[in-house]
All heavy atoms as atom14 arrays in JSON, in Angstrom:
{
  "sequence": "AVVDGSNGASNHLFPNPVFVRLVPVGSPEEAVLLDKNGQ",
  "atom14_mask": [
    [1, 1, 1, 1, 1, 0, 0, 0, 0, 0, 0, 0, 0, 0],
    [1, 1, 1, 1, 1, 1, 1, 0, 0, 0, 0, 0, 0, 0],
    [1, 1, 1, 1, 1, 1, 1, 0, 0, 0, 0, 0, 0, 0],
    [1, 1, 1, 1, 1, 1, 1, 1, 0, 0, 0, 0, 0, 0],
    [1, 1, 1, 1, 0, 0, 0, 0, 0, 0, 0, 0, 0, 0],
    [1, 1, 1, 1, 1, 1, 0, 0, 0, 0, 0, 0, 0, 0],
    [1, 1, 1, 1, 1, 1, 1, 1, 0, 0, 0, 0, 0, 0],
    [1, 1, 1, 1, 0, 0, 0, 0, 0, 0, 0, 0, 0, 0],
    [1, 1, 1, 1, 1, 0, 0, 0, 0, 0, 0, 0, 0, 0],
    [1, 1, 1, 1, 1, 1, 0, 0, 0, 0, 0, 0, 0, 0],
    [1, 1, 1, 1, 1, 1, 1, 1, 0, 0, 0, 0, 0, 0],
    [1, 1, 1, 1, 1, 1, 1, 1, 1, 1, 0, 0, 0, 0],
    [1, 1, 1, 1, 1, 1, 1, 1, 0, 0, 0, 0, 0, 0],
    [1, 1, 1, 1, 1, 1, 1, 1, 1, 1, 1, 0, 0, 0],
    [1, 1, 1, 1, 1, 1, 1, 0, 0, 0, 0, 0, 0, 0],
    [1, 1, 1, 1, 1, 1, 1, 1, 0, 0, 0, 0, 0, 0],
    [1, 1, 1, 1, 1, 1, 1, 0, 0, 0, 0, 0, 0, 0],
    [1, 1, 1, 1, 1, 1, 1, 0, 0, 0, 0, 0, 0, 0],
    [1, 1, 1, 1, 1, 1, 1, 1, 1, 1, 1, 0, 0, 0],
    [1, 1, 1, 1, 1, 1, 1, 0, 0, 0, 0, 0, 0, 0],
    [1, 1, 1, 1, 1, 1, 1, 1, 1, 1, 1, 0, 0, 0],
    [1, 1, 1, 1, 1, 1, 1, 1, 0, 0, 0, 0, 0, 0],
    [1, 1, 1, 1, 1, 1, 1, 0, 0, 0, 0, 0, 0, 0],
    [1, 1, 1, 1, 1, 1, 1, 0, 0, 0, 0, 0, 0, 0],
    [1, 1, 1, 1, 1, 1, 1, 0, 0, 0, 0, 0, 0, 0],
    [1, 1, 1, 1, 0, 0, 0, 0, 0, 0, 0, 0, 0, 0],
    [1, 1, 1, 1, 1, 1, 0, 0, 0, 0, 0, 0, 0, 0],
    [1, 1, 1, 1, 1, 1, 1, 0, 0, 0, 0, 0, 0, 0],
    [1, 1, 1, 1, 1, 1, 1, 1, 1, 0, 0, 0, 0, 0],
    [1, 1, 1, 1, 1, 1, 1, 1, 1, 0, 0, 0, 0, 0],
    [1, 1, 1, 1, 1, 0, 0, 0, 0, 0, 0, 0, 0, 0],
    [1, 1, 1, 1, 1, 1, 1, 0, 0, 0, 0, 0, 0, 0],
    [1, 1, 1, 1, 1, 1, 1, 1, 0, 0, 0, 0, 0, 0],
    [1, 1, 1, 1, 1, 1, 1, 1, 0, 0, 0, 0, 0, 0],
    [1, 1, 1, 1, 1, 1, 1, 1, 0, 0, 0, 0, 0, 0],
    [1, 1, 1, 1, 1, 1, 1, 1, 1, 0, 0, 0, 0, 0],
    [1, 1, 1, 1, 1, 1, 1, 1, 0, 0, 0, 0, 0, 0],
    [1, 1, 1, 1, 0, 0, 0, 0, 0, 0, 0, 0, 0, 0],
    [1, 1, 1, 1, 1, 1, 1, 1, 1, 0, 0, 0, 0, 0]
  ],
  "atom14_positions": [
    [[71.67, 5.08, -113.53], [71.49, 4.76, -112.12], [72.74, 5.12, -111.33], [72.65, 5.64, -110.21], [71.15, 3.28, -111.95], [0.0, 0.0, 0.0], [0.0, 0.0, 0.0], [0.0, 0.0, 0.0], [0.0, 0.0, 0.0], [0.0, 0.0, 0.0], [0.0, 0.0, 0.0], [0.0, 0.0, 0.0], [0.0, 0.0, 0.0], [0.0, 0.0, 0.0]],
    [[73.91, 4.86, -111.91], [75.16, 5.19, -111.22], [75.31, 6.7, -111.11], [75.67, 7.22, -110.04], [76.37, 4.56, -111.95], [77.68, 5.09, -111.41], [76.33, 3.05, -111.84], [0.0, 0.0, 0.0], [0.0, 0.0, 0.0], [0.0, 0.0, 0.0], [0.0, 0.0, 0.0], [0.0, 0.0, 0.0], [0.0, 0.0, 0.0], [0.0, 0.0, 0.0]],
    [[75.05, 7.43, -112.18], [75.16, 8.89, -112.16], [74.23, 9.47, -111.11], [74.65, 10.25, -110.24], [74.86, 9.5, -113.55], [74.73, 11.01, -113.47], [75.93, 9.1, -114.55], [0.0, 0.0, 0.0], [0.0, 0.0, 0.0], [0.0, 0.0, 0.0], [0.0, 0.0, 0.0], [0.0, 0.0, 0.0], [0.0, 0.0, 0.0], [0.0, 0.0, 0.0]],
    [[72.95, 9.09, -111.16], [71.98, 9.65, -110.23], [72.21, 9.18, -108.8], [72.01, 9.93, -107.85], [70.55, 9.28, -110.66], [70.14, 10.0, -111.94], [70.75, 11.03, -112.27], [69.2, 9.52, -112.6], [0.0, 0.0, 0.0], [0.0, 0.0, 0.0], [0.0, 0.0, 0.0], [0.0, 0.0, 0.0], [0.0, 0.0, 0.0], [0.0, 0.0, 0.0]],
    [[72.65, 7.94, -108.65], [72.93, 7.44, -107.31], [74.12, 8.11, -106.66], [74.13, 8.37, -105.47], [0.0, 0.0, 0.0], [0.0, 0.0, 0.0], [0.0, 0.0, 0.0], [0.0, 0.0, 0.0], [0.0, 0.0, 0.0], [0.0, 0.0, 0.0], [0.0, 0.0, 0.0], [0.0, 0.0, 0.0], [0.0, 0.0, 0.0], [0.0, 0.0, 0.0]],
    [[75.12, 8.42, -107.46], [76.33, 9.03, -106.89], [76.13, 10.48, -106.48], [76.78, 10.95, -105.57], [77.49, 8.92, -107.88], [77.25, 9.71, -109.01], [0.0, 0.0, 0.0], [0.0, 0.0, 0.0], [0.0, 0.0, 0.0], [0.0, 0.0, 0.0], [0.0, 0.0, 0.0], [0.0, 0.0, 0.0], [0.0, 0.0, 0.0], [0.0, 0.0, 0.0]],
    [[75.23, 11.19, -107.13], [75.03, 12.59, -106.77], [73.75, 12.83, -105.98], [73.42, 13.96, -105.63], [75.08, 13.49, -108.02], [73.95, 13.25, -108.99], [72.91, 12.68, -108.66], [74.14, 13.7, -110.21], [0.0, 0.0, 0.0], [0.0, 0.0, 0.0], [0.0, 0.0, 0.0], [0.0, 0.0, 0.0], [0.0, 0.0, 0.0], [0.0, 0.0, 0.0]],
    [[72.99, 11.76, -105.69], [71.79, 11.87, -104.85], [70.54, 12.3, -105.59], [69.48, 12.41, -104.99], [0.0, 0.0, 0.0], [0.0, 0.0, 0.0], [0.0, 0.0, 0.0], [0.0, 0.0, 0.0], [0.0, 0.0, 0.0], [0.0, 0.0, 0.0], [0.0, 0.0, 0.0], [0.0, 0.0, 0.0], [0.0, 0.0, 0.0], [0.0, 0.0, 0.0]],
    [[70.62, 12.54, -106.89], [69.48, 13.06, -107.65], [68.3, 12.09, -107.67], [67.16, 12.51, -107.83], [69.88, 13.4, -109.08], [0.0, 0.0, 0.0], [0.0, 0.0, 0.0], [0.0, 0.0, 0.0], [0.0, 0.0, 0.0], [0.0, 0.0, 0.0], [0.0, 0.0, 0.0], [0.0, 0.0, 0.0], [0.0, 0.0, 0.0], [0.0, 0.0, 0.0]],
    [[68.56, 10.81, -107.49], [67.47, 9.83, -107.53], [66.74, 9.73, -106.19], [65.78, 8.99, -106.06], [68.02, 8.46, -107.93], [69.01, 8.03, -107.01], [0.0, 0.0, 0.0], [0.0, 0.0, 0.0], [0.0, 0.0, 0.0], [0.0, 0.0, 0.0], [0.0, 0.0, 0.0], [0.0, 0.0, 0.0], [0.0, 0.0, 0.0], [0.0, 0.0, 0.0]],
    [[67.18, 10.49, -105.2], [66.56, 10.45, -103.87], [65.59, 11.61, -103.69], [65.63, 12.6, -104.42], [67.63, 10.52, -102.79], [68.5, 9.29, -102.74], [68.51, 8.49, -103.67], [69.23, 9.13, -101.67], [0.0, 0.0, 0.0], [0.0, 0.0, 0.0], [0.0, 0.0, 0.0], [0.0, 0.0, 0.0], [0.0, 0.0, 0.0], [0.0, 0.0, 0.0]],
    [[64.75, 11.5, -102.65], [63.92, 12.61, -102.21], [63.99, 12.66, -100.69], [64.26, 11.65, -100.04], [62.48, 12.48, -102.72], [61.73, 11.33, -102.15], [61.84, 10.05, -102.66], [60.88, 11.24, -101.1], [61.08, 9.23, -101.93], [60.5, 9.92, -100.99], [0.0, 0.0, 0.0], [0.0, 0.0, 0.0], [0.0, 0.0, 0.0], [0.0, 0.0, 0.0]],
    [[63.77, 13.84, -100.14], [63.87, 14.02, -98.7], [62.5, 13.88, -98.05], [61.5, 14.42, -98.55], [64.48, 15.39, -98.39], [65.89, 15.58, -98.95], [66.35, 17.02, -98.81], [66.87, 14.63, -98.28], [0.0, 0.0, 0.0], [0.0, 0.0, 0.0], [0.0, 0.0, 0.0], [0.0, 0.0, 0.0], [0.0, 0.0, 0.0], [0.0, 0.0, 0.0]],
    [[62.46, 13.15, -96.94], [61.21, 12.89, -96.22], [61.42, 13.13, -94.74], [62.43, 12.68, -94.21], [60.76, 11.44, -96.46], [59.51, 11.1, -95.7], [58.27, 11.46, -96.21], [59.58, 10.46, -94.48], [57.11, 11.16, -95.5], [58.43, 10.17, -93.77], [57.2, 10.52, -94.28], [0.0, 0.0, 0.0], [0.0, 0.0, 0.0], [0.0, 0.0, 0.0]],
    [[60.51, 13.8, -94.06], [59.27, 14.38, -94.58], [59.53, 15.73, -95.26], [60.49, 16.41, -94.96], [58.43, 14.58, -93.32], [59.42, 14.8, -92.22], [60.62, 13.96, -92.6], [0.0, 0.0, 0.0], [0.0, 0.0, 0.0], [0.0, 0.0, 0.0], [0.0, 0.0, 0.0], [0.0, 0.0, 0.0], [0.0, 0.0, 0.0], [0.0, 0.0, 0.0]],
    [[58.65, 16.07, -96.13], [58.64, 17.38, -96.77], [57.2, 17.72, -97.13], [56.63, 17.02, -97.97], [59.52, 17.41, -98.01], [59.67, 18.8, -98.57], [59.38, 19.79, -97.92], [60.14, 18.88, -99.8], [0.0, 0.0, 0.0], [0.0, 0.0, 0.0], [0.0, 0.0, 0.0], [0.0, 0.0, 0.0], [0.0, 0.0, 0.0], [0.0, 0.0, 0.0]],
    [[56.61, 18.68, -96.46], [57.21, 19.62, -95.53], [57.51, 18.99, -94.17], [56.92, 17.98, -93.8], [56.14, 20.7, -95.39], [54.85, 19.96, -95.57], [55.17, 18.92, -96.62], [0.0, 0.0, 0.0], [0.0, 0.0, 0.0], [0.0, 0.0, 0.0], [0.0, 0.0, 0.0], [0.0, 0.0, 0.0], [0.0, 0.0, 0.0], [0.0, 0.0, 0.0]],
    [[58.43, 19.63, -93.44], [58.65, 19.29, -92.04], [57.74, 20.24, -91.27], [58.03, 21.42, -91.13], [60.13, 19.48, -91.64], [60.32, 19.16, -90.16], [61.03, 18.62, -92.5], [0.0, 0.0, 0.0], [0.0, 0.0, 0.0], [0.0, 0.0, 0.0], [0.0, 0.0, 0.0], [0.0, 0.0, 0.0], [0.0, 0.0, 0.0], [0.0, 0.0, 0.0]],
    [[56.6, 19.7, -90.86], [55.55, 20.51, -90.23], [55.28, 19.88, -88.86], [54.8, 18.75, -88.77], [54.3, 20.48, -91.12], [53.21, 21.44, -90.76], [52.07, 21.5, -91.55], [53.27, 22.28, -89.67], [51.03, 22.36, -91.26], [52.25, 23.17, -89.37], [51.13, 23.21, -90.17], [0.0, 0.0, 0.0], [0.0, 0.0, 0.0], [0.0, 0.0, 0.0]],
    [[55.6, 20.61, -87.81], [55.53, 20.07, -86.45], [54.56, 20.88, -85.6], [54.62, 22.11, -85.58], [56.92, 20.08, -85.78], [56.85, 19.58, -84.35], [57.89, 19.22, -86.59], [0.0, 0.0, 0.0], [0.0, 0.0, 0.0], [0.0, 0.0, 0.0], [0.0, 0.0, 0.0], [0.0, 0.0, 0.0], [0.0, 0.0, 0.0], [0.0, 0.0, 0.0]],
    [[53.67, 20.16, -84.9], [52.83, 20.79, -83.88], [53.6, 20.7, -82.57], [53.84, 19.61, -82.05], [51.48, 20.11, -83.72], [50.61, 20.82, -82.66], [49.26, 20.15, -82.43], [48.53, 20.04, -83.67], [47.75, 19.0, -83.99], [47.62, 17.98, -83.17], [47.1, 18.98, -85.14], [0.0, 0.0, 0.0], [0.0, 0.0, 0.0], [0.0, 0.0, 0.0]],
    [[54.04, 21.87, -82.08], [54.82, 21.92, -80.85], [53.93, 21.75, -79.63], [52.72, 22.0, -79.69], [55.57, 23.26, -80.78], [56.56, 23.52, -81.92], [57.07, 24.94, -81.86], [57.7, 22.53, -81.86], [0.0, 0.0, 0.0], [0.0, 0.0, 0.0], [0.0, 0.0, 0.0], [0.0, 0.0, 0.0], [0.0, 0.0, 0.0], [0.0, 0.0, 0.0]],
    [[54.55, 21.34, -78.53], [53.82, 21.07, -77.29], [54.33, 22.04, -76.21], [55.55, 22.19, -76.04], [54.06, 19.61, -76.85], [53.41, 19.32, -75.52], [53.57, 18.65, -77.92], [0.0, 0.0, 0.0], [0.0, 0.0, 0.0], [0.0, 0.0, 0.0], [0.0, 0.0, 0.0], [0.0, 0.0, 0.0], [0.0, 0.0, 0.0], [0.0, 0.0, 0.0]],
    [[53.41, 22.7, -75.5], [53.84, 23.61, -74.43], [54.69, 22.89, -73.38], [54.48, 21.71, -73.1], [52.52, 24.1, -73.82], [51.5, 23.88, -74.88], [51.95, 22.66, -75.64], [0.0, 0.0, 0.0], [0.0, 0.0, 0.0], [0.0, 0.0, 0.0], [0.0, 0.0, 0.0], [0.0, 0.0, 0.0], [0.0, 0.0, 0.0], [0.0, 0.0, 0.0]],
    [[55.64, 23.63, -72.8], [56.47, 23.08, -71.73], [55.56, 22.6, -70.61], [54.6, 23.28, -70.23], [57.47, 24.15, -71.21], [58.18, 23.67, -69.95], [58.47, 24.51, -72.29], [0.0, 0.0, 0.0], [0.0, 0.0, 0.0], [0.0, 0.0, 0.0], [0.0, 0.0, 0.0], [0.0, 0.0, 0.0], [0.0, 0.0, 0.0], [0.0, 0.0, 0.0]],
    [[55.82, 21.4, -70.12], [55.04, 20.84, -69.02], [53.85, 20.01, -69.46], [53.21, 19.36, -68.63], [0.0, 0.0, 0.0], [0.0, 0.0, 0.0], [0.0, 0.0, 0.0], [0.0, 0.0, 0.0], [0.0, 0.0, 0.0], [0.0, 0.0, 0.0], [0.0, 0.0, 0.0], [0.0, 0.0, 0.0], [0.0, 0.0, 0.0], [0.0, 0.0, 0.0]],
    [[53.52, 20.03, -70.74], [52.38, 19.26, -71.24], [52.78, 17.78, -71.37], [53.88, 17.47, -71.77], [51.95, 19.78, -72.61], [50.97, 18.93, -73.18], [0.0, 0.0, 0.0], [0.0, 0.0, 0.0], [0.0, 0.0, 0.0], [0.0, 0.0, 0.0], [0.0, 0.0, 0.0], [0.0, 0.0, 0.0], [0.0, 0.0, 0.0], [0.0, 0.0, 0.0]],
    [[51.84, 16.87, -71.06], [52.13, 15.45, -71.23], [52.0, 14.99, -72.69], [52.36, 13.86, -73.01], [51.08, 14.76, -70.36], [49.92, 15.72, -70.38], [50.54, 17.09, -70.43], [0.0, 0.0, 0.0], [0.0, 0.0, 0.0], [0.0, 0.0, 0.0], [0.0, 0.0, 0.0], [0.0, 0.0, 0.0], [0.0, 0.0, 0.0], [0.0, 0.0, 0.0]],
    [[51.51, 15.85, -73.58], [51.34, 15.48, -74.98], [52.7, 15.37, -75.67], [53.71, 15.83, -75.17], [50.48, 16.53, -75.69], [49.07, 16.61, -75.18], [48.26, 17.66, -75.91], [48.53, 17.88, -77.12], [47.37, 18.24, -75.3], [0.0, 0.0, 0.0], [0.0, 0.0, 0.0], [0.0, 0.0, 0.0], [0.0, 0.0, 0.0], [0.0, 0.0, 0.0]],
    [[52.69, 14.75, -76.86], [53.9, 14.63, -77.67], [53.79, 15.51, -78.91], [52.7, 15.69, -79.45], [54.08, 13.18, -78.14], [54.42, 12.2, -77.04], [54.77, 10.84, -77.63], [55.74, 10.77, -78.42], [54.08, 9.88, -77.3], [0.0, 0.0, 0.0], [0.0, 0.0, 0.0], [0.0, 0.0, 0.0], [0.0, 0.0, 0.0], [0.0, 0.0, 0.0]],
    [[54.93, 16.01, -79.36], [54.97, 16.75, -80.61], [54.61, 15.8, -81.74], [54.98, 14.62, -81.72], [56.35, 17.35, -80.83], [0.0, 0.0, 0.0], [0.0, 0.0, 0.0], [0.0, 0.0, 0.0], [0.0, 0.0, 0.0], [0.0, 0.0, 0.0], [0.0, 0.0, 0.0], [0.0, 0.0, 0.0], [0.0, 0.0, 0.0], [0.0, 0.0, 0.0]],
    [[53.88, 16.3, -82.74], [53.48, 15.46, -83.87], [53.9, 16.1, -85.19], [54.03, 17.31, -85.31], [51.95, 15.2, -83.89], [51.53, 14.37, -82.7], [51.15, 16.48, -83.97], [0.0, 0.0, 0.0], [0.0, 0.0, 0.0], [0.0, 0.0, 0.0], [0.0, 0.0, 0.0], [0.0, 0.0, 0.0], [0.0, 0.0, 0.0], [0.0, 0.0, 0.0]],
    [[54.13, 15.22, -86.18], [54.38, 15.65, -87.56], [53.05, 15.78, -88.27], [52.17, 14.91, -88.11], [55.23, 14.62, -88.3], [56.72, 14.61, -88.02], [57.38, 13.43, -88.72], [57.36, 15.91, -88.46], [0.0, 0.0, 0.0], [0.0, 0.0, 0.0], [0.0, 0.0, 0.0], [0.0, 0.0, 0.0], [0.0, 0.0, 0.0], [0.0, 0.0, 0.0]],
    [[52.92, 16.83, -89.04], [51.69, 17.07, -89.79], [52.0, 17.04, -91.27], [53.12, 17.34, -91.69], [51.12, 18.45, -89.41], [50.9, 18.7, -87.92], [50.54, 20.17, -87.69], [49.82, 17.79, -87.38], [0.0, 0.0, 0.0], [0.0, 0.0, 0.0], [0.0, 0.0, 0.0], [0.0, 0.0, 0.0], [0.0, 0.0, 0.0], [0.0, 0.0, 0.0]],
    [[50.99, 16.7, -92.08], [51.18, 16.79, -93.53], [50.92, 18.23, -93.97], [50.63, 19.1, -93.15], [50.29, 15.77, -94.27], [48.8, 16.04, -94.15], [48.38, 17.15, -93.72], [48.02, 15.13, -94.49], [0.0, 0.0, 0.0], [0.0, 0.0, 0.0], [0.0, 0.0, 0.0], [0.0, 0.0, 0.0], [0.0, 0.0, 0.0], [0.0, 0.0, 0.0]],
    [[50.99, 18.49, -95.26], [50.84, 19.86, -95.76], [49.46, 20.44, -95.47], [49.28, 21.65, -95.48], [51.16, 19.93, -97.25], [50.21, 19.16, -98.13], [50.62, 19.24, -99.58], [49.67, 18.41, -100.42], [50.08, 18.38, -101.82], [0.0, 0.0, 0.0], [0.0, 0.0, 0.0], [0.0, 0.0, 0.0], [0.0, 0.0, 0.0], [0.0, 0.0, 0.0]],
    [[48.48, 19.57, -95.21], [47.12, 20.03, -94.9], [46.87, 20.15, -93.4], [45.75, 20.42, -92.99], [46.1, 19.08, -95.52], [46.23, 19.04, -97.03], [46.37, 20.07, -97.68], [46.21, 17.84, -97.58], [0.0, 0.0, 0.0], [0.0, 0.0, 0.0], [0.0, 0.0, 0.0], [0.0, 0.0, 0.0], [0.0, 0.0, 0.0], [0.0, 0.0, 0.0]],
    [[47.89, 19.89, -92.58], [47.74, 20.0, -91.14], [47.19, 18.75, -90.47], [46.84, 18.79, -89.29], [0.0, 0.0, 0.0], [0.0, 0.0, 0.0], [0.0, 0.0, 0.0], [0.0, 0.0, 0.0], [0.0, 0.0, 0.0], [0.0, 0.0, 0.0], [0.0, 0.0, 0.0], [0.0, 0.0, 0.0], [0.0, 0.0, 0.0], [0.0, 0.0, 0.0]],
    [[47.13, 17.64, -91.2], [46.66, 16.37, -90.64], [47.83, 15.62, -90.01], [48.92, 15.61, -90.56], [46.0, 15.51, -91.72], [44.81, 16.16, -92.39], [43.69, 16.46, -91.41], [43.29, 15.6, -90.64], [43.22, 17.7, -91.43], [0.0, 0.0, 0.0], [0.0, 0.0, 0.0], [0.0, 0.0, 0.0], [0.0, 0.0, 0.0], [0.0, 0.0, 0.0]]
  ]
}
């Protein structure tokens, strides 16, 4: 636990993938995060 904790190997990065639906300039909508299937 000490070895893995000290070098970060016991962690994972979230979100992965970083999948964002962008919003056109001037739109009142918000950008959203999507999963790997686009949901």
